[in-house]
Protein backbone atom coordinates (compact mmCIF):
# COMPACT_ATOMS: atom_id res chain seq x y z
CA MET A 1 -11.81 -24.78 30.20
CA ARG A 2 -13.03 -23.94 26.47
CA ARG A 3 -12.84 -20.42 26.84
CA VAL A 4 -8.91 -20.60 28.29
CA LEU A 5 -8.71 -22.93 25.35
CA ILE A 6 -9.67 -20.62 22.61
CA ILE A 7 -7.94 -17.66 24.45
CA LEU A 8 -4.80 -19.42 24.84
CA LEU A 9 -5.14 -20.14 20.60
CA LEU A 10 -5.87 -16.53 19.84
CA LEU A 11 -2.83 -15.25 21.69
CA ILE A 12 -0.57 -18.20 19.72
CA MET A 13 -2.09 -16.90 16.40
CA LEU A 14 -1.44 -13.33 17.59
CA SER A 15 2.26 -13.80 18.22
CA LEU A 16 2.73 -15.80 15.19
CA CYS A 17 1.41 -12.53 13.38
CA LEU A 18 3.58 -10.30 15.39
CA LYS A 19 6.78 -12.26 14.28
CA SER A 20 5.60 -11.93 10.81
CA ILE A 21 5.48 -8.57 11.07
CA LYS A 22 8.88 -8.26 12.51
CA GLU A 23 10.50 -10.50 10.03
CA GLU A 24 8.96 -8.30 7.33
CA ARG A 25 10.62 -5.18 8.70
CA HIS A 26 13.92 -6.63 9.35
CA LEU A 27 13.89 -7.73 5.85
CA THR A 28 13.08 -4.28 4.07
CA SER A 29 15.50 -2.85 6.46
CA ASN A 30 18.04 -5.03 5.44
CA LEU A 31 17.80 -3.95 1.97
CA SER A 32 18.30 -0.54 2.75
CA MET A 33 17.39 1.80 5.40
CA SER A 34 13.79 2.95 4.78
CA PRO A 35 13.89 5.79 2.94
CA LYS A 36 12.16 9.22 3.92
CA ILE A 37 9.69 9.45 1.23
CA SER A 38 6.11 11.44 1.20
CA MET A 39 3.66 10.63 -0.89
CA ILE A 40 0.27 11.77 -1.51
CA TYR A 41 -2.64 9.68 -2.60
CA PHE A 42 -5.78 10.97 -3.94
CA TYR A 43 -8.84 9.12 -3.95
CA ASN A 44 -12.65 8.93 -4.11
CA PRO A 45 -14.31 6.27 -1.69
CA ASN A 46 -17.11 5.95 -4.46
CA CYS A 47 -14.43 4.54 -6.79
CA PRO A 48 -13.88 0.91 -7.33
CA PHE A 49 -10.28 0.76 -8.42
CA CYS A 50 -9.62 3.38 -5.18
CA LYS A 51 -11.50 0.66 -2.94
CA ALA A 52 -9.02 -2.38 -4.50
CA ILE A 53 -5.63 -0.22 -3.77
CA ASP A 54 -6.59 1.18 -0.54
CA PRO A 55 -5.21 -1.74 1.48
CA TYR A 56 -1.90 -1.05 -0.50
CA ILE A 57 -1.89 2.48 0.63
CA ASP A 58 -2.72 2.17 3.67
CA TYR A 59 0.37 -0.55 3.88
CA LEU A 60 2.59 2.17 2.41
CA SER A 61 1.21 4.77 4.96
CA THR A 62 3.01 2.40 8.02
CA LEU A 63 6.36 2.57 5.99
CA PHE A 64 6.09 6.17 4.64
CA ASP A 65 4.46 9.38 5.18
CA VAL A 66 1.26 9.19 2.83
CA GLU A 67 -1.55 11.85 3.04
CA TYR A 68 -4.71 11.19 1.91
CA CYS A 69 -6.59 13.21 -0.13
CA ASN A 70 -10.46 12.91 -0.66
CA VAL A 71 -11.38 14.10 -4.31
CA LEU A 72 -14.69 14.68 -3.23
CA ASN A 73 -14.10 17.05 -0.11
CA ILE A 74 -10.67 18.71 -1.20
CA THR A 75 -11.30 21.33 1.61
CA ASN A 76 -9.60 18.81 4.06
CA CYS A 77 -6.66 18.27 1.39
CA SER A 78 -3.61 20.30 2.01
CA ARG A 79 -2.84 23.17 0.02
CA GLU A 80 0.39 21.29 -1.46
CA ALA A 81 -1.80 18.47 -2.69
CA ILE A 82 -4.41 21.02 -3.98
CA LEU A 83 -1.25 22.36 -5.99
CA TYR A 84 -0.09 19.17 -7.42
CA MET A 85 -4.19 18.32 -8.31
CA ALA A 86 -3.76 21.71 -10.25
CA ILE A 87 -0.63 21.14 -12.12
CA ILE A 88 -1.52 17.37 -13.15
CA ILE A 89 -4.56 18.99 -14.58
CA ASN A 90 -2.78 22.05 -15.96
CA LYS A 91 -0.58 19.51 -17.95
CA THR A 92 -2.93 16.89 -18.78
CA GLY A 93 -6.40 18.26 -19.19
CA SER A 94 -8.10 16.16 -16.61
CA PHE A 95 -7.06 14.31 -12.85
CA ALA A 96 -8.07 10.72 -12.21
CA VAL A 97 -8.28 8.80 -9.29
CA PRO A 98 -6.60 6.71 -8.07
CA THR A 99 -3.47 8.73 -8.19
CA LEU A 100 -0.30 8.54 -6.20
CA ILE A 101 2.28 10.87 -6.13
CA VAL A 102 5.84 10.58 -4.90
CA LYS A 103 7.27 13.56 -3.75
CA GLY A 104 10.62 14.89 -4.05
CA ASN A 105 13.27 16.73 -6.41
CA GLU A 106 11.09 15.33 -9.26
CA SER A 107 7.93 14.21 -8.17
CA VAL A 108 6.61 11.03 -9.83
CA VAL A 109 2.84 10.46 -10.35
CA PHE A 110 1.13 7.22 -10.67
CA GLN A 111 -2.45 7.56 -12.08
CA GLY A 112 -4.79 4.45 -12.02
CA PHE A 113 -4.61 1.11 -10.13
CA ASP A 114 -2.21 -0.95 -12.34
CA ASN A 115 0.14 1.69 -12.36
CA ILE A 116 -0.18 1.97 -8.50
CA ALA A 117 -0.24 -1.71 -8.13
CA PHE A 118 2.30 -2.83 -10.73
CA GLN A 119 4.78 0.04 -11.33
CA LEU A 120 5.32 1.77 -7.70
CA GLU A 121 7.62 -0.78 -6.47
CA LYS A 122 9.61 -1.25 -9.52
CA TYR A 123 10.06 2.80 -9.00
CA LEU A 124 10.58 2.64 -5.54
CA GLU A 125 13.43 -0.33 -6.05
CA LYS A 126 14.98 1.50 -8.77
CA GLU A 127 15.32 5.04 -7.45
CA TYR A 128 15.26 4.31 -3.83
CA ASN A 129 17.11 1.00 -3.84
CA TYR A 130 13.99 0.12 -1.26
CA SER A 131 12.17 -3.41 -1.71
CA ILE A 132 8.58 -3.95 -0.37
CA GLU A 133 8.00 -7.37 0.37
CA ILE A 134 5.56 -8.77 2.62
CA PHE A 135 5.79 -11.85 4.86
CA VAL A 136 3.20 -13.92 4.93
CA GLY A 137 2.86 -17.72 6.49
CA ASN A 138 6.72 -18.82 5.11
CA LYS A 139 7.31 -16.65 2.34
CA TYR A 140 7.90 -13.14 1.24
CA TYR A 141 5.49 -11.81 -1.52
CA LYS A 142 5.76 -8.36 -3.26
CA PRO A 143 2.22 -6.66 -3.42
CA SER A 144 2.18 -6.87 -7.14
CA GLU A 145 2.72 -10.43 -6.90
CA CYS A 146 -0.61 -10.51 -4.59
CA TYR A 147 -2.38 -8.46 -6.93
CA SER A 148 -1.50 -10.85 -9.94
CA CYS A 149 -2.62 -14.06 -8.05
CA HIS A 150 -5.60 -12.39 -6.96
CA ILE A 151 -6.61 -11.23 -10.88
CA GLN A 152 -5.55 -14.84 -11.79
CA ARG A 153 -7.65 -16.31 -9.48
CA LYS A 154 -10.60 -14.05 -10.33
CA ILE A 155 -10.78 -13.31 -6.65
CA GLU A 156 -11.51 -9.64 -4.99
CA PRO A 157 -8.41 -8.00 -4.38
CA PRO A 158 -6.44 -8.32 -0.71
CA ARG A 159 -8.47 -6.07 1.80
CA SER A 160 -5.34 -6.15 3.64
CA PHE A 161 -1.09 -6.57 3.37
CA SER A 162 -1.21 -7.89 7.12
CA CYS A 163 -0.63 -11.70 8.16
CA THR A 164 -4.27 -12.20 9.25
CA SER A 165 -5.88 -11.67 6.11
CA CYS A 166 -4.23 -13.26 3.49
CA CYS A 167 -5.60 -16.33 1.54
CA HIS A 168 -2.28 -17.80 1.28
CA ILE A 169 -2.28 -18.91 5.13
CA ARG A 170 -5.26 -20.52 4.86
């Protein structure tokens, strides 16, 4: 009997999660059709700032085409990713991680945790009229709001942008 109750509770929680995800997609698709955006994400698996932004990049990969390029093993990166890396090094004299490139006619580079966490969504809203918002509990949040909240509360960055791991629903 206890097992049945636990399973039933888990199923109810899971169904609430799925409902939230559907509502989230409904909101973003209402703001505009999901634009066809391709990105390249350069990271180092040992970098603490990469680890902090990884959940956001993983979430973006559910919305857009994101290529991951581990700078410690560039043999697994595409030629295009290596070319972008070379262009950045040529223009700036260095290369830092995390770096996210939004590819397009005029590709845009976001280097560093702060630029990705706080400037990318502004860029997508301005250039593509696309708003990234995450439905958690009974409210919508922008990823930058999540990062700001965690920084202000001096807690670890979000480990995920899913309805099952947010501190706002506990």
